C-alpha atoms as a PDB file:
ATOM      1  CA  MET A   1      72.886 104.023  90.890  1.00  0.00           C
ATOM      2  CA  GLU A   2      71.114 106.557  89.018  1.00  0.00           C
ATOM      3  CA  LEU A   3      72.474 109.187  90.892  1.00  0.00           C
ATOM      4  CA  PHE A   4      75.825 108.220  88.992  1.00  0.00           C
ATOM      5  CA  SER A   5      74.567 107.955  85.684  1.00  0.00           C
ATOM      6  CA  GLU A   6      73.082 109.974  82.618  1.00  0.00           C
ATOM      7  CA  PHE A   7      69.629 109.893  84.338  1.00  0.00           C
ATOM      8  CA  PHE A   8      67.953 113.370  82.968  1.00  0.00           C
ATOM      9  CA  ASN A   9      66.321 114.118  79.516  1.00  0.00           C
ATOM     10  CA  LYS A  10      68.257 113.336  76.409  1.00  0.00           C
ATOM     11  CA  LYS A  11      66.203 114.748  74.508  1.00  0.00           C
ATOM     12  CA  HIS A  12      66.022 118.548  74.868  1.00  0.00           C
ATOM     13  CA  LEU A  13      66.355 121.709  73.445  1.00  0.00           C
ATOM     14  CA  PHE A  14      70.284 121.485  72.952  1.00  0.00           C
ATOM     15  CA  SER A  15      70.372 118.039  72.122  1.00  0.00           C
ATOM     16  CA  ALA A  16      70.746 118.616  68.544  1.00  0.00           C
ATOM     17  CA  ILE A  17      73.527 121.370  68.745  1.00  0.00           C
ATOM     18  CA  ASP A  18      77.184 120.638  67.597  1.00  0.00           C
ATOM     19  CA  ALA A  19      79.279 118.716  70.547  1.00  0.00           C
ATOM     20  CA  ARG A  20      82.345 121.276  68.931  1.00  0.00           C
ATOM     21  CA  VAL A  21      80.082 124.411  69.157  1.00  0.00           C
ATOM     22  CA  LYS A  22      79.600 123.436  73.003  1.00  0.00           C
ATOM     23  CA  ILE A  23      83.045 122.737  73.267  1.00  0.00           C
ATOM     24  CA  ILE A  24      83.880 126.015  71.894  1.00  0.00           C
ATOM     25  CA  VAL A  25      81.418 127.930  74.124  1.00  0.00           C
ATOM     26  CA  ALA A  26      82.663 126.277  77.313  1.00  0.00           C
ATOM     27  CA  LEU A  27      86.111 126.693  76.717  1.00  0.00           C
ATOM     28  CA  PHE A  28      85.631 130.369  76.055  1.00  0.00           C
ATOM     29  CA  THR A  29      83.190 130.604  79.125  1.00  0.00           C
ATOM     30  CA  LEU A  30      86.065 129.073  81.237  1.00  0.00           C
ATOM     31  CA  ILE A  31      88.458 131.412  80.312  1.00  0.00           C
ATOM     32  CA  LEU A  32      86.470 134.208  80.937  1.00  0.00           C
ATOM     33  CA  VAL A  33      85.447 132.824  84.538  1.00  0.00           C
ATOM     34  CA  LEU A  34      89.238 132.314  85.407  1.00  0.00           C
ATOM     35  CA  SER A  35      90.094 135.737  83.850  1.00  0.00           C
ATOM     36  CA  TYR A  36      87.379 137.532  85.514  1.00  0.00           C
ATOM     37  CA  LYS A  37      88.189 139.822  89.091  1.00  0.00           C
ATOM     38  CA  GLY A  38      85.163 139.973  90.839  1.00  0.00           C
ATOM     39  CA  PHE A  39      82.351 138.216  91.875  1.00  0.00           C
ATOM     40  CA  LEU A  40      79.322 139.269  89.214  1.00  0.00           C
ATOM     41  CA  PHE A  41      80.655 137.034  86.124  1.00  0.00           C
ATOM     42  CA  PRO A  42      80.695 134.008  88.289  1.00  0.00           C
ATOM     43  CA  LEU A  43      77.752 133.879  89.915  1.00  0.00           C
ATOM     44  CA  VAL A  44      75.986 135.057  86.194  1.00  0.00           C
ATOM     45  CA  ILE A  45      77.519 131.673  84.926  1.00  0.00           C
ATOM     46  CA  ILE A  46      76.131 129.487  87.983  1.00  0.00           C
ATOM     47  CA  LEU A  47      72.857 130.942  87.658  1.00  0.00           C
ATOM     48  CA  ILE A  48      73.191 130.655  83.378  1.00  0.00           C
ATOM     49  CA  CYS A  49      74.032 126.670  83.968  1.00  0.00           C
ATOM     50  CA  ALA A  50      71.828 126.414  86.532  1.00  0.00           C
ATOM     51  CA  ALA A  51      68.970 127.337  84.288  1.00  0.00           C
ATOM     52  CA  LEU A  52      70.114 125.144  81.704  1.00  0.00           C
ATOM     53  CA  CYS A  53      70.124 122.171  84.142  1.00  0.00           C
ATOM     54  CA  LYS A  54      66.753 122.925  85.068  1.00  0.00           C
ATOM     55  CA  ILE A  55      65.772 123.141  80.971  1.00  0.00           C
ATOM     56  CA  ILE A  56      67.316 119.416  80.437  1.00  0.00           C
ATOM     57  CA  LYS A  57      65.250 118.429  83.595  1.00  0.00           C
ATOM     58  CA  VAL A  58      68.359 117.011  85.770  1.00  0.00           C
ATOM     59  CA  HIS A  59      67.222 115.491  89.124  1.00  0.00           C
ATOM     60  CA  THR A  60      67.668 117.720  92.390  1.00  0.00           C
ATOM     61  CA  LYS A  61      70.017 114.928  93.797  1.00  0.00           C
ATOM     62  CA  VAL A  62      71.754 114.626  90.962  1.00  0.00           C
ATOM     63  CA  LEU A  63      73.222 117.837  90.231  1.00  0.00           C
ATOM     64  CA  LEU A  64      73.827 118.122  94.243  1.00  0.00           C
ATOM     65  CA  LEU A  65      76.118 115.274  94.320  1.00  0.00           C
ATOM     66  CA  ARG A  66      77.578 117.099  91.081  1.00  0.00           C
ATOM     67  CA  TYR A  67      78.351 120.278  93.090  1.00  0.00           C
ATOM     68  CA  ALA A  68      79.197 118.527  96.602  1.00  0.00           C
ATOM     69  CA  GLU A  69      82.494 117.672  96.052  1.00  0.00           C
ATOM     70  CA  PRO A  70      83.799 120.972  94.370  1.00  0.00           C
ATOM     71  CA  ALA A  71      81.834 123.079  97.070  1.00  0.00           C
ATOM     72  CA  PHE A  72      83.811 121.074  99.987  1.00  0.00           C
ATOM     73  CA  ILE A  73      86.799 121.845  98.082  1.00  0.00           C
ATOM     74  CA  ALA A  74      85.804 125.430  97.727  1.00  0.00           C
ATOM     75  CA  LEU A  75      84.672 125.298 101.156  1.00  0.00           C
ATOM     76  CA  ILE A  76      88.210 124.183 102.329  1.00  0.00           C
ATOM     77  CA  LEU A  77      90.138 127.063 100.415  1.00  0.00           C
ATOM     78  CA  VAL A  78      87.827 129.857 101.510  1.00  0.00           C
ATOM     79  CA  LEU A  79      88.985 128.684 105.607  1.00  0.00           C
ATOM     80  CA  LEU A  80      92.236 128.242 104.295  1.00  0.00           C
ATOM     81  CA  LYS A  81      92.341 132.174 103.020  1.00  0.00           C
ATOM     82  CA  PHE A  82      90.561 133.394 106.137  1.00  0.00           C
ATOM     83  CA  PHE A  83      92.386 132.774 108.506  1.00  0.00           C
ATOM     84  CA  PHE A  84      95.782 131.147 106.826  1.00  0.00           C
ATOM     85  CA  SER A  85      96.316 134.792 104.307  1.00  0.00           C
ATOM     86  CA  GLY A  86      95.741 138.240 104.543  1.00  0.00           C
ATOM     87  CA  THR A  87      97.077 141.422 105.726  1.00  0.00           C
ATOM     88  CA  GLU A  88      93.730 142.992 107.389  1.00  0.00           C
ATOM     89  CA  PRO A  89      93.043 141.315 110.760  1.00  0.00           C
ATOM     90  CA  LEU A  90      88.753 140.830 111.176  1.00  0.00           C
ATOM     91  CA  VAL A  91      88.582 138.950 114.289  1.00  0.00           C
ATOM     92  CA  GLU A  92      90.987 136.716 116.718  1.00  0.00           C
ATOM     93  CA  ILE A  93      89.962 133.523 118.358  1.00  0.00           C
ATOM     94  CA  ASP A  94      91.796 132.392 121.717  1.00  0.00           C
ATOM     95  CA  LEU A  95      92.291 128.504 121.249  1.00  0.00           C
ATOM     96  CA  ARG A  96      94.453 128.465 124.368  1.00  0.00           C
ATOM     97  CA  ILE A  97      96.620 126.694 122.718  1.00  0.00           C
ATOM     98  CA  PHE A  98      96.911 129.411 120.478  1.00  0.00           C
ATOM     99  CA  ALA A  99      95.315 132.338 119.040  1.00  0.00           C
ATOM    100  CA  LEU A 100      93.628 131.932 115.557  1.00  0.00           C
ATOM    101  CA  THR A 101      93.501 135.110 113.266  1.00  0.00           C
ATOM    102  CA  ALA A 102      91.051 135.592 110.428  1.00  0.00           C
ATOM    103  CA  TYR A 103      91.574 137.597 108.294  1.00  0.00           C
ATOM    104  CA  LYS A 104      89.081 140.170 106.210  1.00  0.00           C
ATOM    105  CA  ASP A 105      91.183 140.557 102.923  1.00  0.00           C
ATOM    106  CA  GLY A 106      91.508 136.959 103.293  1.00  0.00           C
ATOM    107  CA  LEU A 107      87.964 136.387 103.375  1.00  0.00           C
ATOM    108  CA  TYR A 108      87.678 138.054  99.965  1.00  0.00           C
ATOM    109  CA  GLU A 109      90.115 136.457  98.430  1.00  0.00           C
ATOM    110  CA  GLY A 110      88.632 132.818  99.655  1.00  0.00           C
ATOM    111  CA  LEU A 111      85.356 133.763  98.591  1.00  0.00           C
ATOM    112  CA  LEU A 112      86.909 134.817  95.038  1.00  0.00           C
ATOM    113  CA  LEU A 113      88.348 131.582  94.496  1.00  0.00           C
ATOM    114  CA  ALA A 114      85.525 129.903  95.690  1.00  0.00           C
ATOM    115  CA  ALA A 115      83.068 131.760  93.318  1.00  0.00           C
ATOM    116  CA  ARG A 116      85.689 131.252  90.342  1.00  0.00           C
ATOM    117  CA  ILE A 117      85.600 126.952  91.046  1.00  0.00           C
ATOM    118  CA  LEU A 118      82.099 127.085  91.237  1.00  0.00           C
ATOM    119  CA  ALA A 119      81.372 128.562  88.051  1.00  0.00           C
ATOM    120  CA  ALA A 120      83.847 126.787  86.138  1.00  0.00           C
ATOM    121  CA  VAL A 121      82.463 123.419  87.745  1.00  0.00           C
ATOM    122  CA  SER A 122      79.040 124.706  86.613  1.00  0.00           C
ATOM    123  CA  VAL A 123      80.362 125.020  83.030  1.00  0.00           C
ATOM    124  CA  VAL A 124      81.875 121.316  83.105  1.00  0.00           C
ATOM    125  CA  ILE A 125      78.243 119.993  84.414  1.00  0.00           C
ATOM    126  CA  ALA A 126      76.493 122.252  82.136  1.00  0.00           C
ATOM    127  CA  LEU A 127      78.219 120.586  79.054  1.00  0.00           C
ATOM    128  CA  GLY A 128      78.318 116.937  80.283  1.00  0.00           C
ATOM    129  CA  PHE A 129      74.517 117.059  80.535  1.00  0.00           C
ATOM    130  CA  ALA A 130      73.833 118.664  77.563  1.00  0.00           C
ATOM    131  CA  THR A 131      76.229 116.445  75.117  1.00  0.00           C
ATOM    132  CA  PRO A 132      76.298 112.684  75.463  1.00  0.00           C
ATOM    133  CA  PHE A 133      79.608 111.266  76.649  1.00  0.00           C
ATOM    134  CA  THR A 134      80.402 109.842  73.193  1.00  0.00           C
ATOM    135  CA  GLU A 135      80.108 112.765  71.400  1.00  0.00           C
ATOM    136  CA  ILE A 136      81.812 115.124  73.379  1.00  0.00           C
ATOM    137  CA  MET A 137      85.323 112.453  72.954  1.00  0.00           C
ATOM    138  CA  ALA A 138      84.617 112.794  68.979  1.00  0.00           C
ATOM    139  CA  GLY A 139      84.482 116.575  69.265  1.00  0.00           C
ATOM    140  CA  LEU A 140      87.245 116.319  70.986  1.00  0.00           C
ATOM    141  CA  SER A 141      89.682 114.256  68.668  1.00  0.00           C
ATOM    142  CA  TRP A 142      88.397 116.596  66.415  1.00  0.00           C
ATOM    143  CA  PHE A 143      90.068 119.126  67.992  1.00  0.00           C
ATOM    144  CA  ARG A 144      92.762 116.575  67.346  1.00  0.00           C
ATOM    145  CA  VAL A 145      93.133 115.824  71.212  1.00  0.00           C
ATOM    146  CA  PRO A 146      95.633 112.532  71.406  1.00  0.00           C
ATOM    147  CA  LYS A 147      93.673 109.441  70.872  1.00  0.00           C
ATOM    148  CA  THR A 148      95.518 107.708  73.243  1.00  0.00           C
ATOM    149  CA  LEU A 149      93.910 110.090  76.204  1.00  0.00           C
ATOM    150  CA  ILE A 150      90.524 109.865  74.499  1.00  0.00           C
ATOM    151  CA  GLU A 151      90.725 105.973  74.199  1.00  0.00           C
ATOM    152  CA  ILE A 152      91.915 106.114  78.408  1.00  0.00           C
ATOM    153  CA  THR A 153      88.994 108.187  79.075  1.00  0.00           C
ATOM    154  CA  MET A 154      86.346 106.114  77.353  1.00  0.00           C
ATOM    155  CA  PHE A 155      87.828 102.955  79.028  1.00  0.00           C
ATOM    156  CA  ALA A 156      87.513 104.784  82.447  1.00  0.00           C
ATOM    157  CA  TYR A 157      84.073 105.727  81.508  1.00  0.00           C
ATOM    158  CA  ARG A 158      82.816 102.538  80.669  1.00  0.00           C
ATOM    159  CA  TYR A 159      84.259 100.282  83.432  1.00  0.00           C
ATOM    160  CA  ILE A 160      83.625 103.043  86.316  1.00  0.00           C
ATOM    161  CA  PHE A 161      80.208 101.954  86.337  1.00  0.00           C
ATOM    162  CA  ILE A 162      81.099  98.138  86.364  1.00  0.00           C
ATOM    163  CA  LEU A 163      83.327  98.873  89.313  1.00  0.00           C
ATOM    164  CA  LEU A 164      80.437 100.826  91.188  1.00  0.00           C
ATOM    165  CA  GLU A 165      78.007  98.121  90.843  1.00  0.00           C
ATOM    166  CA  ASP A 166      80.512  95.419  91.706  1.00  0.00           C
ATOM    167  CA  ALA A 167      81.612  97.933  94.737  1.00  0.00           C
ATOM    168  CA  ILE A 168      77.482  98.466  95.817  1.00  0.00           C
ATOM    169  CA  VAL A 169      77.392  94.242  95.589  1.00  0.00           C
ATOM    170  CA  ILE A 170      80.147  93.830  97.858  1.00  0.00           C
ATOM    171  CA  TYR A 171      79.232  96.734 100.289  1.00  0.00           C
ATOM    172  CA  ASN A 172      75.915  95.440 100.923  1.00  0.00           C
ATOM    173  CA  ALA A 173      77.143  92.094 101.510  1.00  0.00           C
ATOM    174  CA  GLN A 174      79.680  93.551 104.202  1.00  0.00           C
ATOM    175  CA  LYS A 175      76.650  95.678 105.521  1.00  0.00           C
ATOM    176  CA  ASN A 176      74.072  92.620 105.594  1.00  0.00           C
ATOM    177  CA  ARG A 177      77.140  90.916 108.093  1.00  0.00           C
ATOM    178  CA  LEU A 178      77.535  94.073 110.400  1.00  0.00           C
ATOM    179  CA  GLY A 179      80.348  94.520 108.854  1.00  0.00           C
ATOM    180  CA  TYR A 180      80.021  98.543 109.395  1.00  0.00           C
ATOM    181  CA  SER A 181      78.615  97.910 113.165  1.00  0.00           C
ATOM    182  CA  SER A 182      81.578  99.530 114.567  1.00  0.00           C
ATOM    183  CA  ILE A 183      84.776 101.663 113.182  1.00  0.00           C
ATOM    184  CA  LYS A 184      87.212  99.385 113.841  1.00  0.00           C
ATOM    185  CA  ARG A 185      85.153  96.579 111.508  1.00  0.00           C
ATOM    186  CA  GLY A 186      83.901  99.463 108.989  1.00  0.00           C
ATOM    187  CA  LEU A 187      87.393 100.593 108.549  1.00  0.00           C
ATOM    188  CA  SER A 188      88.930  96.778 107.990  1.00  0.00           C
ATOM    189  CA  SER A 189      85.668  96.118 105.766  1.00  0.00           C
ATOM    190  CA  PHE A 190      86.245  99.370 103.897  1.00  0.00           C
ATOM    191  CA  SER A 191      90.071  98.307 103.239  1.00  0.00           C
ATOM    192  CA  THR A 192      88.919  94.571 102.070  1.00  0.00           C
ATOM    193  CA  LEU A 193      86.518  96.520  99.620  1.00  0.00           C
ATOM    194  CA  ALA A 194      89.287  98.263  98.304  1.00  0.00           C
ATOM    195  CA  GLY A 195      91.281  95.744  97.924  1.00  0.00           C
ATOM    196  CA  SER A 196      88.673  93.711  95.848  1.00  0.00           C
ATOM    197  CA  LEU A 197      87.819  96.441  93.820  1.00  0.00           C
ATOM    198  CA  ILE A 198      91.840  97.043  92.584  1.00  0.00           C
ATOM    199  CA  ILE A 199      91.867  93.014  92.127  1.00  0.00           C
ATOM    200  CA  LYS A 200      88.620  93.687  89.992  1.00  0.00           C
ATOM    201  CA  ALA A 201      89.898  96.754  87.781  1.00  0.00           C
ATOM    202  CA  PHE A 202      92.778  94.514  86.890  1.00  0.00           C
ATOM    203  CA  ASP A 203      90.491  91.147  85.967  1.00  0.00           C
ATOM    204  CA  HIS A 204      88.215  93.545  84.109  1.00  0.00           C
ATOM    205  CA  SER A 205      91.658  94.945  82.222  1.00  0.00           C
ATOM    206  CA  GLN A 206      92.744  91.753  81.078  1.00  0.00           C
ATOM    207  CA  LYS A 207      89.236  90.369  79.881  1.00  0.00           C
ATOM    208  CA  ILE A 208      88.580  93.499  77.865  1.00  0.00           C
ATOM    209  CA  THR A 209      91.864  93.574  76.142  1.00  0.00           C
ATOM    210  CA  VAL A 210      91.747  89.790  75.106  1.00  0.00           C
ATOM    211  CA  SER A 211      88.540  90.283  74.007  1.00  0.00           C
ATOM    212  CA  MET A 212      89.346  93.775  72.001  1.00  0.00           C
ATOM    213  CA  VAL A 213      92.391  91.736  70.312  1.00  0.00           C
ATOM    214  CA  GLN A 214      90.831  89.043  69.507  1.00  0.00           C
ATOM    215  CA  ARG A 215      87.482  91.401  67.161  1.00  0.00           C
ATOM    216  CA  GLY A 216      90.968  93.242  66.008  1.00  0.00           C
ATOM    217  CA  TYR A 217      91.840  95.435  67.601  1.00  0.00           C
ATOM    218  CA  GLU A 218      94.505  97.767  66.625  1.00  0.00           C
ATOM    219  CA  GLY A 219      95.072 100.513  68.875  1.00  0.00           C
ATOM    220  CA  ASP A 220      92.271 102.842  67.180  1.00  0.00           C
ATOM    221  CA  ILE A 221      88.734 103.170  67.795  1.00  0.00           C
ATOM    222  CA  PRO A 222      86.640 104.857  65.473  1.00  0.00           C
ATOM    223  CA  PHE A 223      84.733 107.727  66.417  1.00  0.00           C
ATOM    224  CA  LEU A 224      81.479 109.621  65.046  1.00  0.00           C
ATOM    225  CA  SER A 225      81.632 110.958  61.527  1.00  0.00           C
ATOM    226  CA  GLN A 226      81.483 114.738  62.235  1.00  0.00           C
ATOM    227  CA  LYS A 227      78.953 117.160  59.885  1.00  0.00           C
ATOM    228  CA  PRO A 228      79.675 120.308  58.798  1.00  0.00           C
ATOM    229  CA  PHE A 229      78.932 123.320  60.717  1.00  0.00           C
ATOM    230  CA  LYS A 230      75.313 125.251  60.745  1.00  0.00           C
ATOM    231  CA  ALA A 231      75.424 128.648  60.300  1.00  0.00           C
ATOM    232  CA  ASN A 232      72.253 128.927  62.703  1.00  0.00           C
ATOM    233  CA  GLU A 233      74.185 127.246  65.879  1.00  0.00           C
ATOM    234  CA  ILE A 234      77.680 129.575  64.863  1.00  0.00           C
ATOM    235  CA  ILE A 235      75.566 132.646  64.601  1.00  0.00           C
ATOM    236  CA  PHE A 236      73.790 131.762  68.071  1.00  0.00           C
ATOM    237  CA  SER A 237      77.221 130.851  69.567  1.00  0.00           C
ATOM    238  CA  ILE A 238      78.723 134.315  68.966  1.00  0.00           C
ATOM    239  CA  LEU A 239      75.702 136.444  70.126  1.00  0.00           C
ATOM    240  CA  PHE A 240      76.054 134.048  73.102  1.00  0.00           C
ATOM    241  CA  LEU A 241      79.822 134.694  73.797  1.00  0.00           C
ATOM    242  CA  THR A 242      79.084 138.460  73.222  1.00  0.00           C
ATOM    243  CA  SER A 243      77.019 138.727  75.855  1.00  0.00           C
ATOM    244  CA  LEU A 244      78.903 137.177  78.285  1.00  0.00           C
ATOM    245  CA  GLY A 245      82.375 139.245  77.299  1.00  0.00           C
ATOM    246  CA  ILE A 246      79.616 142.559  77.439  1.00  0.00           C
ATOM    247  CA  ILE A 247      78.842 141.206  81.075  1.00  0.00           C
ATOM    248  CA  TRP A 248      82.754 140.376  81.701  1.00  0.00           C
ATOM    249  CA  LYS A 249      83.481 143.864  80.856  1.00  0.00           C
ATOM    250  CA  ILE A 250      81.329 145.399  83.206  1.00  0.00           C
END
C-alpha cells in the first residue's frame, strides 16, 4: 500500500508554499516543456524534478512506480516512430515474412517526444509530492475549475484506495487457492477479481450517496479558505520561471 499512497516526508522546504503558486509554476513549466524543440530543456526539467523529489525524500520505489507507465508509453512511441515514421533509412531488418526499416529521423522524433513526455510527467509528479491533494483541489477551485469536476476527482481519490484494499484481499485469497497457478486459471481469476471490484464500486457509490445526503449534502463541498499571496513566494516564483525561460531560449 505504501507504493500507492503519499508515503513521503510531508514536512519539507516546499510544504509551506501556497498551492496556487505551485500550480501556476507547474502550468507555466508544462507550457515551456511542450513548446521546446530540443532535448536540453526537458532533461533539465527532469533533473530539477528528480532533485525536488529527493529533497522531499520520496522513496525510490515509489518514484520508479510513478514513472513506470509513462516510461512504457514513451518507449512504445519511440519504437513506433523509429520503425514506421521517417524518410532517412538507418537500418533494414529482414524478418523473412516482411522487411522492417528503421529511420534515423523517426528515431530522433521519437526520442524528442519521449523527452517531452517524461519531462511533463516529472512536473506533475513533483507537484503531487510537493503539495497535498486537498490543497491542489482547493487551488483549482480558486482558479474557477468546475466544482463538479473537482468533487468527482476528490471522490475518486478517496475511494480508489478502498478499492485497492479490496483488490488486494481478493487477490491474496485467490492466490492462496492457486488461482494463478496457470494462464487459464489466472485469466479466470483476474476476470472474477475485476467483476468483484466493479460490483464493490457500485456498492460504495450507493452507500456514500446515502450517507452524504443524510448529513445534509446538497452538491457543494466546502474547500480550504485561501490566504493572500505572499510577496516572497511571488518573487521566488518569478525568478525561477525567468531562469527556466532563459534555459528555454538557449
